[in-house]
């Protein structure tokens, strides 16, 4: 125990990585635990339609944020000027302007979006929910500085405290209002509380409005490919909800979203880990520079992928039982969704540790190519799956899209010197066995979903 505790101390890269990993995993696990708890309470206070409606709002808010992402966070994390106050203040100024523009745009599209989805309430909800984008634009760059140096303890604590406060407010408002507005108001309030906590408790210099042309040029040059990548990333990550939100009745879409939340926990946790931890690691230990660097990263990838594959396999096996235990009969269909969705995410998990290798070297163009390929393949397979087999076909299509994107992952990883066929081959066999077992074990419920 003393040996492990000793390895956590100090300022070495290994110590910072281990501490950062513990904070990231612990923080994400606690965050999802809070989210699950609030989900269980709120599903008993509100109706499935409310969750379907808020799922649409969340997609639109995330889409606005991603369609305007200029890569401030990865730019600060990888830039040689990432600790320069003038660089940081310029980045913050860009971020504030972006937040204000997003809120205005959310207000402008509210009526057209309400018409597209035939939900008049969206015309009122979107401008209010968009306030969270405006508020988040003022988040200090001290967040990115903490991520850059893998100093994540206080940042994790602030995020959890703000989330807990937002959940308490959401539950109280839902009990009082019995309306979807409880989720809308609490979401904006949580953004305000989070900003206040960042400003008060994160160490470092406060940002001010500033524009330095050299910093702006570097940010824009790096960000132009990130901008395009995040558009593709939104399509890749959210096309299922965009298409199913139109294809399914609102109550069924709410049920699907419950299934997505449970099935995606391991993959989303892995995504948080790779975004926060791998750019600093790849930056300080480029795998192409030496065999020693490659071997150290290889060991890290094997451990990280093992954890995510094991968790995903467990979720896939127990998906029907989880839903039956946690939710009432209105959400029963979510069980089969959990099983299939978790199974179809395995190809993404195997490739997960490669994605940040290009960004760590400043090569945002290759990252864009990978994102674009995934977007095109995902939408194509989703549409084909919907046409051939409805919701069941769409879920199968998502898995096939992940397999079809693998050659693009290899192309990116080889250029960065990070591709590890031994890692990919070993986990492909493990994943295939887990998927086959999960589908066999839950075959009755899956056959019901396939018949819909």
Protein backbone atom coordinates (compact mmCIF):
# COMPACT_ATOMS: atom_id res chain seq x y z
CA UNK A 1 0.00 0.00 0.00
CA UNK A 2 2.87 2.36 0.89
CA UNK A 3 4.44 1.65 -2.49
CA UNK A 4 1.24 2.56 -4.32
CA UNK A 5 0.72 5.67 -2.20
CA UNK A 6 4.30 6.69 -2.84
CA UNK A 7 3.82 6.41 -6.59
CA UNK A 8 0.92 8.84 -6.35
CA UNK A 9 3.06 11.55 -4.76
CA UNK A 10 5.29 14.05 -6.51
CA UNK A 11 5.19 15.95 -9.77
CA UNK A 12 6.43 13.28 -12.20
CA UNK A 13 4.38 12.44 -15.26
CA UNK A 14 3.61 8.97 -13.87
CA UNK A 15 2.42 10.36 -10.53
CA UNK A 16 0.28 13.03 -12.21
CA UNK A 17 -1.17 10.45 -14.59
CA UNK A 18 -2.07 8.07 -11.76
CA UNK A 19 -3.62 10.81 -9.65
CA UNK A 20 -5.44 12.20 -12.67
CA UNK A 21 -6.73 8.74 -13.56
CA UNK A 22 -8.07 8.17 -10.06
CA UNK A 23 -9.77 11.57 -9.99
CA UNK A 24 -11.17 11.13 -13.49
CA UNK A 25 -12.51 7.63 -12.89
CA UNK A 26 -13.78 8.45 -9.42
CA UNK A 27 -15.33 11.70 -10.58
CA UNK A 28 -16.98 10.15 -13.60
CA UNK A 29 -18.28 7.20 -11.57
CA UNK A 30 -19.69 9.53 -8.92
CA UNK A 31 -21.18 11.78 -11.61
CA UNK A 32 -22.95 8.89 -13.31
CA UNK A 33 -24.10 7.58 -9.94
CA UNK A 34 -25.69 10.95 -9.20
CA UNK A 35 -27.20 11.00 -12.67
CA UNK A 36 -28.66 7.52 -12.22
CA UNK A 37 -30.08 8.43 -8.82
CA UNK A 38 -31.73 11.56 -10.21
CA UNK A 39 -32.96 9.57 -13.21
CA UNK A 40 -34.64 7.01 -10.96
CA UNK A 41 -36.32 9.71 -8.88
CA UNK A 42 -37.36 11.89 -11.81
CA UNK A 43 -38.83 8.99 -13.81
CA UNK A 44 -41.25 8.54 -10.93
CA UNK A 45 -42.13 12.24 -10.75
CA UNK A 46 -42.41 12.91 -14.49
CA UNK A 47 -43.58 11.03 -17.60
CA UNK A 48 -41.58 9.38 -20.44
CA UNK A 49 -42.61 12.21 -22.79
CA UNK A 50 -40.70 14.70 -20.58
CA UNK A 51 -37.49 12.71 -21.01
CA UNK A 52 -38.03 12.41 -24.74
CA UNK A 53 -38.53 16.18 -24.98
CA UNK A 54 -35.43 16.95 -22.90
CA UNK A 55 -33.43 14.46 -24.94
CA UNK A 56 -34.27 16.51 -28.04
CA UNK A 57 -33.30 19.72 -26.23
CA UNK A 58 -30.01 18.17 -25.10
CA UNK A 59 -29.20 17.07 -28.66
CA UNK A 60 -29.87 20.56 -30.03
CA UNK A 61 -27.82 22.25 -27.29
CA UNK A 62 -24.96 19.84 -27.81
CA UNK A 63 -25.23 20.29 -31.56
CA UNK A 64 -24.96 24.06 -31.27
CA UNK A 65 -21.96 23.72 -28.99
CA UNK A 66 -20.20 21.23 -31.25
CA UNK A 67 -21.05 22.97 -34.52
CA UNK A 68 -19.26 26.05 -33.20
CA UNK A 69 -16.36 24.34 -31.42
CA UNK A 70 -13.05 25.94 -32.38
CA UNK A 71 -10.93 23.60 -30.25
CA UNK A 72 -10.09 25.92 -27.35
CA UNK A 73 -9.57 23.07 -24.89
CA UNK A 74 -7.26 20.82 -26.98
CA UNK A 75 -5.44 23.92 -28.30
CA UNK A 76 -4.54 24.99 -24.75
CA UNK A 77 -3.61 21.45 -23.77
CA UNK A 78 -1.19 20.90 -26.67
CA UNK A 79 0.17 24.41 -27.39
CA UNK A 80 3.64 25.51 -26.28
CA UNK A 81 1.93 28.74 -25.19
CA UNK A 82 -0.68 26.89 -23.14
CA UNK A 83 0.44 28.61 -19.92
CA UNK A 84 0.89 32.10 -21.40
CA UNK A 85 -1.66 34.56 -19.85
CA UNK A 86 -2.09 36.50 -23.11
CA UNK A 87 -2.76 33.29 -25.01
CA UNK A 88 -5.25 32.15 -22.37
CA UNK A 89 -7.07 35.50 -22.24
CA UNK A 90 -7.40 35.53 -26.02
CA UNK A 91 -8.81 32.01 -25.92
CA UNK A 92 -11.27 33.02 -23.19
CA UNK A 93 -12.40 36.08 -25.19
CA UNK A 94 -13.14 33.86 -28.18
CA UNK A 95 -15.02 31.47 -25.92
CA UNK A 96 -17.21 34.23 -24.42
CA UNK A 97 -18.12 35.60 -27.87
CA UNK A 98 -18.98 32.09 -29.01
CA UNK A 99 -21.26 31.52 -26.00
CA UNK A 100 -23.22 34.72 -26.69
CA UNK A 101 -23.64 33.84 -30.37
CA UNK A 102 -24.84 30.35 -29.48
CA UNK A 103 -27.55 31.68 -27.17
CA UNK A 104 -28.82 34.07 -29.86
CA UNK A 105 -28.82 31.25 -32.41
CA UNK A 106 -30.67 28.89 -30.04
CA UNK A 107 -33.39 31.54 -29.72
CA UNK A 108 -33.60 32.06 -33.48
CA UNK A 109 -34.01 28.37 -34.36
CA UNK A 110 -36.53 27.61 -31.59
CA UNK A 111 -39.68 28.03 -33.69
CA UNK A 112 -38.40 26.16 -36.78
CA UNK A 113 -37.18 23.24 -34.62
CA UNK A 114 -40.54 23.10 -32.82
CA UNK A 115 -42.22 22.87 -36.21
CA UNK A 116 -39.88 20.11 -37.49
CA UNK A 117 -40.52 17.88 -34.47
CA UNK A 118 -44.16 18.98 -34.08
CA UNK A 119 -43.55 19.93 -30.43
CA UNK A 120 -44.71 23.55 -29.82
CA UNK A 121 -43.19 23.62 -26.34
CA UNK A 122 -39.70 23.53 -27.87
CA UNK A 123 -40.24 27.11 -29.11
CA UNK A 124 -40.22 28.24 -25.46
CA UNK A 125 -37.77 25.74 -23.97
CA UNK A 126 -34.88 26.25 -26.39
CA UNK A 127 -34.24 29.97 -25.68
CA UNK A 128 -34.26 29.29 -21.93
CA UNK A 129 -32.04 26.20 -22.16
CA UNK A 130 -29.72 28.17 -24.45
CA UNK A 131 -28.84 30.41 -21.51
CA UNK A 132 -26.62 27.59 -20.25
CA UNK A 133 -24.47 28.02 -23.39
CA UNK A 134 -24.14 31.73 -22.68
CA UNK A 135 -23.13 31.09 -19.07
CA UNK A 136 -20.64 28.34 -19.96
CA UNK A 137 -18.87 30.71 -22.33
CA UNK A 138 -17.55 32.52 -19.25
CA UNK A 139 -15.96 29.40 -17.74
CA UNK A 140 -12.32 30.26 -16.91
CA UNK A 141 -9.39 28.78 -18.81
CA UNK A 142 -8.06 27.67 -15.43
CA UNK A 143 -10.11 24.53 -16.15
CA UNK A 144 -7.95 23.79 -19.18
CA UNK A 145 -4.77 24.62 -17.28
CA UNK A 146 -5.70 22.01 -14.67
CA UNK A 147 -6.34 19.45 -17.43
CA UNK A 148 -3.11 20.38 -19.22
CA UNK A 149 -1.03 19.56 -16.14
CA UNK A 150 -3.18 16.62 -14.96
CA UNK A 151 -4.13 18.47 -11.75
CA UNK A 152 -7.72 17.32 -11.58
CA UNK A 153 -8.66 16.95 -7.92
CA UNK A 154 -10.26 20.32 -7.24
CA UNK A 155 -11.80 20.47 -10.71
CA UNK A 156 -13.48 17.10 -10.16
CA UNK A 157 -14.83 18.20 -6.78
CA UNK A 158 -16.32 21.39 -8.22
CA UNK A 159 -18.03 19.52 -11.06
CA UNK A 160 -19.56 16.99 -8.68
CA UNK A 161 -20.78 19.65 -6.25
CA UNK A 162 -22.42 21.67 -9.04
CA UNK A 163 -24.04 18.53 -10.46
CA UNK A 164 -25.39 17.51 -7.04
CA UNK A 165 -26.85 20.98 -6.47
CA UNK A 166 -28.52 20.89 -9.89
CA UNK A 167 -30.02 17.46 -9.18
CA UNK A 168 -31.44 18.55 -5.83
CA UNK A 169 -32.99 21.56 -7.55
CA UNK A 170 -34.38 19.40 -10.41
CA UNK A 171 -36.01 16.93 -8.01
CA UNK A 172 -37.51 19.73 -5.90
CA UNK A 173 -38.88 21.54 -8.93
CA UNK A 174 -40.20 18.30 -10.49
CA UNK A 175 -42.07 17.48 -7.28
CA UNK A 176 -43.52 21.00 -7.17
CA UNK A 177 -44.17 21.72 -10.86
CA UNK A 178 -44.79 18.22 -12.31
CA UNK A 179 -43.51 19.63 -15.59
CA UNK A 180 -40.61 19.39 -18.00
CA UNK A 181 -39.78 22.97 -16.99
CA UNK A 182 -38.24 21.56 -13.81
CA UNK A 183 -35.46 20.02 -15.93
CA UNK A 184 -35.03 23.17 -18.01
CA UNK A 185 -34.70 25.56 -15.07
CA UNK A 186 -32.43 23.28 -13.06
CA UNK A 187 -30.10 22.83 -16.04
CA UNK A 188 -29.53 26.56 -16.40
CA UNK A 189 -29.14 26.98 -12.64
CA UNK A 190 -26.50 24.23 -12.54
CA UNK A 191 -24.45 26.08 -15.20
CA UNK A 192 -24.54 29.27 -13.11
CA UNK A 193 -23.50 27.41 -9.95
CA UNK A 194 -20.66 25.68 -11.80
CA UNK A 195 -19.31 28.95 -13.19
CA UNK A 196 -19.42 30.58 -9.75
CA UNK A 197 -17.56 27.63 -8.21
CA UNK A 198 -14.88 27.66 -10.92
CA UNK A 199 -14.36 31.39 -10.43
CA UNK A 200 -14.13 31.15 -6.64
CA UNK A 201 -12.18 27.93 -6.07
CA UNK A 202 -9.88 27.24 -9.05
CA UNK A 203 -6.39 28.63 -8.42
CA UNK A 204 -4.69 30.97 -10.88
CA UNK A 205 -5.13 34.31 -12.56
CA UNK A 206 -8.64 35.37 -13.55
CA UNK A 207 -9.30 35.88 -17.24
CA UNK A 208 -9.90 39.29 -18.77
CA UNK A 209 -11.00 40.39 -22.22
CA UNK A 210 -7.90 40.54 -24.42
CA UNK A 211 -6.99 40.01 -28.07
CA UNK A 212 -3.49 39.14 -29.20
CA UNK A 213 -3.27 38.55 -32.94
CA UNK A 214 -0.56 35.88 -32.71
CA UNK A 215 -2.51 33.84 -30.17
CA UNK A 216 -5.73 34.26 -32.15
CA UNK A 217 -3.99 33.10 -35.33
CA UNK A 218 -2.65 29.98 -33.62
CA UNK A 219 -6.02 29.17 -32.08
CA UNK A 220 -7.88 29.68 -35.37
CA UNK A 221 -5.30 27.69 -37.38
CA UNK A 222 -5.55 24.74 -35.00
CA UNK A 223 -9.28 25.18 -34.51
CA UNK A 224 -10.37 25.20 -38.14
CA UNK A 225 -10.01 21.41 -38.38
CA UNK A 226 -11.41 20.94 -34.87
CA UNK A 227 -14.44 22.97 -35.96
CA UNK A 228 -15.05 20.62 -38.87
CA UNK A 229 -14.22 17.58 -36.71
CA UNK A 230 -16.77 18.48 -34.06
CA UNK A 231 -19.49 18.93 -36.66
CA UNK A 232 -18.72 15.42 -37.87
CA UNK A 233 -18.37 14.24 -34.27
CA UNK A 234 -21.84 15.54 -33.46
CA UNK A 235 -23.31 13.70 -36.44
CA UNK A 236 -21.37 10.56 -35.47
CA UNK A 237 -22.36 10.67 -31.78
CA UNK A 238 -25.89 12.04 -32.01
CA UNK A 239 -27.28 10.88 -35.36
CA UNK A 240 -29.09 8.02 -33.61
CA UNK A 241 -31.05 10.47 -31.46
CA UNK A 242 -31.66 12.90 -34.33
CA UNK A 243 -33.07 10.17 -36.55
CA UNK A 244 -34.87 8.16 -33.86
CA UNK A 245 -36.32 11.35 -32.37
CA UNK A 246 -38.13 11.78 -35.67
CA UNK A 247 -38.81 8.07 -36.27
CA UNK A 248 -40.14 7.06 -32.81
CA UNK A 249 -43.10 8.41 -30.81
CA UNK A 250 -41.90 10.75 -28.05
CA UNK A 251 -42.58 8.28 -25.21
CA UNK A 252 -40.64 5.49 -27.00
CA UNK A 253 -37.82 7.91 -27.70
CA UNK A 254 -37.70 8.70 -23.98
CA UNK A 255 -37.43 4.96 -23.28
CA UNK A 256 -34.62 4.64 -25.84
CA UNK A 257 -32.78 7.48 -24.13
CA UNK A 258 -32.97 5.64 -20.79
CA UNK A 259 -31.43 2.60 -22.50
CA UNK A 260 -28.74 4.74 -24.09
CA UNK A 261 -27.82 6.25 -20.72
CA UNK A 262 -27.29 2.83 -19.13
CA UNK A 263 -25.53 1.23 -22.11
CA UNK A 264 -23.14 4.10 -22.81
CA UNK A 265 -21.76 4.56 -19.30
CA UNK A 266 -18.48 2.62 -19.91
CA UNK A 267 -17.83 4.12 -23.36
CA UNK A 268 -18.49 7.68 -22.21
CA UNK A 269 -16.26 7.12 -19.17
CA UNK A 270 -13.50 5.93 -21.50
CA UNK A 271 -14.02 9.01 -23.66
CA UNK A 272 -13.59 11.28 -20.65
CA UNK A 273 -10.42 9.42 -19.68
CA UNK A 274 -8.86 9.67 -23.12
CA UNK A 275 -9.72 13.35 -23.61
CA UNK A 276 -8.37 14.40 -20.23
CA UNK A 277 -5.38 12.07 -19.92
CA UNK A 278 -4.03 11.06 -23.32
CA UNK A 279 -3.16 14.39 -24.95
CA UNK A 280 -0.70 15.22 -22.12
CA UNK A 281 0.71 11.68 -22.26
CA UNK A 282 1.12 11.61 -26.03
CA UNK A 283 2.59 15.13 -25.90
CA UNK A 284 5.22 14.27 -23.29
CA UNK A 285 5.88 10.66 -24.43
CA UNK A 286 5.32 10.52 -28.22
CA UNK A 287 5.08 6.80 -29.18
CA UNK A 288 6.90 7.43 -32.47
CA UNK A 289 9.98 8.78 -30.67
CA UNK A 290 11.15 5.54 -29.04
CA UNK A 291 10.23 1.93 -28.45
CA UNK A 292 10.22 2.63 -24.70
CA UNK A 293 7.53 5.29 -25.13
CA UNK A 294 5.45 2.94 -27.29
CA UNK A 295 5.69 0.12 -24.72
CA UNK A 296 4.64 2.36 -21.84
CA UNK A 297 1.65 3.61 -23.79
CA UNK A 298 0.86 0.06 -24.88
CA UNK A 299 0.64 -1.10 -21.26
CA UNK A 300 -1.60 1.84 -20.43
CA UNK A 301 -3.88 1.09 -23.41
CA UNK A 302 -4.19 -2.59 -22.49
CA UNK A 303 -5.25 -1.74 -18.94
CA UNK A 304 -7.67 1.03 -19.98
CA UNK A 305 -9.32 -1.03 -22.74
CA UNK A 306 -9.60 -4.07 -20.42
CA UNK A 307 -11.57 -2.04 -17.90
CA UNK A 308 -13.94 -0.52 -20.46
CA UNK A 309 -14.54 -3.81 -22.34
CA UNK A 310 -15.23 -5.63 -19.06
CA UNK A 311 -17.69 -2.98 -17.90
CA UNK A 312 -19.44 -2.89 -21.28
CA UNK A 313 -19.69 -6.67 -21.36
CA UNK A 314 -21.21 -6.67 -17.87
CA UNK A 315 -23.76 -4.03 -18.91
CA UNK A 316 -24.65 -5.99 -22.05
CA UNK A 317 -25.16 -9.21 -20.09
CA UNK A 318 -27.24 -7.59 -17.35
CA UNK A 319 -29.10 -4.96 -19.41
CA UNK A 320 -32.58 -6.48 -19.16
CA UNK A 321 -32.16 -7.23 -15.46
CA UNK A 322 -30.93 -3.67 -14.80
CA UNK A 323 -33.95 -2.07 -16.43
CA UNK A 324 -36.42 -4.47 -14.81
CA UNK A 325 -34.87 -3.77 -11.40
CA UNK A 326 -34.49 -0.01 -11.63
CA UNK A 327 -37.52 1.11 -13.66
CA UNK A 328 -41.24 0.40 -13.89
CA UNK A 329 -43.00 -1.43 -16.73
CA UNK A 330 -43.26 1.71 -18.90
CA UNK A 331 -39.51 1.44 -19.57
CA UNK A 332 -39.29 -2.34 -20.17
CA UNK A 333 -38.23 -2.01 -23.82
CA UNK A 334 -35.07 -0.20 -22.67
CA UNK A 335 -33.61 -3.54 -21.48
CA UNK A 336 -33.12 -4.94 -24.98
CA UNK A 337 -31.84 -1.54 -26.11
CA UNK A 338 -29.16 -1.68 -23.40
CA UNK A 339 -28.04 -5.17 -24.46
CA UNK A 340 -27.76 -4.37 -28.17
CA UNK A 341 -26.36 -0.87 -27.80
CA UNK A 342 -23.63 -1.94 -25.37
CA UNK A 343 -22.73 -4.82 -27.71
CA UNK A 344 -22.56 -2.57 -30.76
CA UNK A 345 -20.20 -0.14 -29.00
CA UNK A 346 -17.36 -2.67 -28.75
CA UNK A 347 -15.61 -1.58 -32.00
CA UNK A 348 -15.54 2.03 -30.75
CA UNK A 349 -14.01 0.94 -27.44
CA UNK A 350 -11.16 -0.97 -29.07
CA UNK A 351 -10.21 2.13 -31.12
CA UNK A 352 -10.79 4.62 -28.30
CA UNK A 353 -7.20 5.07 -27.13
CA UNK A 354 -5.93 6.15 -30.56
CA UNK A 355 -8.13 9.18 -31.17
CA UNK A 356 -6.08 11.76 -29.25
CA UNK A 357 -2.72 10.74 -30.75
CA UNK A 358 -3.10 13.11 -33.71
CA UNK A 359 -4.30 16.06 -31.60
CA UNK A 360 -1.31 15.71 -29.26
CA UNK A 361 0.99 16.46 -32.20
CA UNK A 362 -1.20 19.33 -33.45
CA UNK A 363 -2.43 17.26 -36.43
CA UNK A 364 -6.09 18.24 -36.27
CA UNK A 365 -6.51 17.56 -40.02
CA UNK A 366 -6.20 13.78 -39.70
CA UNK A 367 -8.51 13.86 -36.71
CA UNK A 368 -11.05 15.61 -38.95
CA UNK A 369 -10.74 12.94 -41.65
CA UNK A 370 -11.45 10.22 -39.09
CA UNK A 371 -14.42 12.16 -37.71
CA UNK A 372 -15.83 12.76 -41.20
CA UNK A 373 -15.52 9.09 -42.14
CA UNK A 374 -17.29 8.04 -38.95
CA UNK A 375 -20.08 10.54 -39.52
CA UNK A 376 -20.75 9.38 -43.08
CA UNK A 377 -20.62 5.69 -42.15
CA UNK A 378 -22.80 6.08 -39.06
CA UNK A 379 -25.56 7.98 -40.84
CA UNK A 380 -25.46 5.58 -43.80
CA UNK A 381 -25.69 2.43 -41.69
CA UNK A 382 -28.32 3.97 -39.39
CA UNK A 383 -30.56 4.90 -42.31
CA UNK A 384 -30.13 1.48 -43.87
CA UNK A 385 -30.85 -0.20 -40.54
CA UNK A 386 -33.98 1.87 -39.97
CA UNK A 387 -35.25 1.09 -43.46
CA UNK A 388 -34.63 -2.65 -43.11
CA UNK A 389 -35.38 -3.34 -39.46
CA UNK A 390 -36.66 -0.29 -37.57
CA UNK A 391 -35.08 0.37 -34.18
CA UNK A 392 -33.51 -3.10 -34.08
CA UNK A 393 -31.92 -2.56 -37.49
CA UNK A 394 -30.66 0.89 -36.48
CA UNK A 395 -28.86 -0.57 -33.44
CA UNK A 396 -27.20 -3.26 -35.58
CA UNK A 397 -26.24 -0.58 -38.11
CA UNK A 398 -24.40 1.38 -35.42
CA UNK A 399 -22.17 -1.62 -34.71
CA UNK A 400 -21.44 -2.20 -38.39
CA UNK A 401 -20.52 1.47 -38.80
CA UNK A 402 -17.93 1.11 -36.02
CA UNK A 403 -16.36 -1.85 -37.82
CA UNK A 404 -16.34 -0.04 -41.17
CA UNK A 405 -14.52 2.95 -39.62
CA UNK A 406 -11.63 0.86 -38.28
CA UNK A 407 -9.35 1.29 -41.37
CA UNK A 408 -9.48 5.06 -40.85
CA UNK A 409 -8.51 4.58 -37.19
CA UNK A 410 -5.52 2.50 -38.27
CA UNK A 411 -4.47 5.18 -40.77
CA UNK A 412 -4.50 7.86 -38.07
CA UNK A 413 -2.80 5.70 -35.44
CA UNK A 414 -0.01 4.54 -37.77
CA UNK A 415 0.87 8.10 -38.72
CA UNK A 416 1.26 8.96 -35.02
CA UNK A 417 3.24 5.76 -34.37
CA UNK A 418 0.55 4.53 -31.97
CA UNK A 419 -1.11 1.62 -33.81
CA UNK A 420 -0.93 -1.64 -31.85
CA UNK A 421 -2.38 -4.62 -33.76
CA UNK A 422 -1.73 -6.96 -30.81
CA UNK A 423 -3.97 -4.81 -28.61
CA UNK A 424 -6.72 -4.63 -31.24
CA UNK A 425 -6.66 -8.31 -32.14
CA UNK A 426 -6.75 -9.53 -28.54
CA UNK A 427 -9.67 -7.32 -27.57
CA UNK A 428 -11.58 -8.06 -30.78
CA UNK A 429 -11.67 -11.73 -29.74
CA UNK A 430 -12.69 -10.90 -26.16
CA UNK A 431 -15.37 -8.46 -27.35
CA UNK A 432 -16.80 -10.96 -29.87
CA UNK A 433 -17.17 -13.60 -27.14
CA UNK A 434 -18.87 -11.14 -24.74
CA UNK A 435 -21.28 -9.91 -27.43
CA UNK A 436 -22.26 -13.46 -28.44
CA UNK A 437 -22.85 -14.39 -24.80
CA UNK A 438 -24.92 -11.27 -24.07
CA UNK A 439 -27.16 -11.71 -27.11
CA UNK A 440 -27.69 -15.42 -26.37
CA UNK A 441 -28.47 -14.75 -22.68
CA UNK A 442 -31.03 -12.03 -23.53
CA UNK A 443 -32.35 -13.53 -26.78
CA UNK A 444 -36.03 -13.53 -25.73
CA UNK A 445 -36.13 -9.80 -25.04
CA UNK A 446 -34.10 -8.98 -28.16
CA UNK A 447 -36.53 -10.99 -30.31
CA UNK A 448 -39.40 -8.88 -28.95
CA UNK A 449 -37.54 -5.68 -29.93
CA UNK A 450 -36.76 -7.11 -33.39
CA UNK A 451 -40.48 -7.82 -33.94
CA UNK A 452 -41.52 -4.18 -33.30
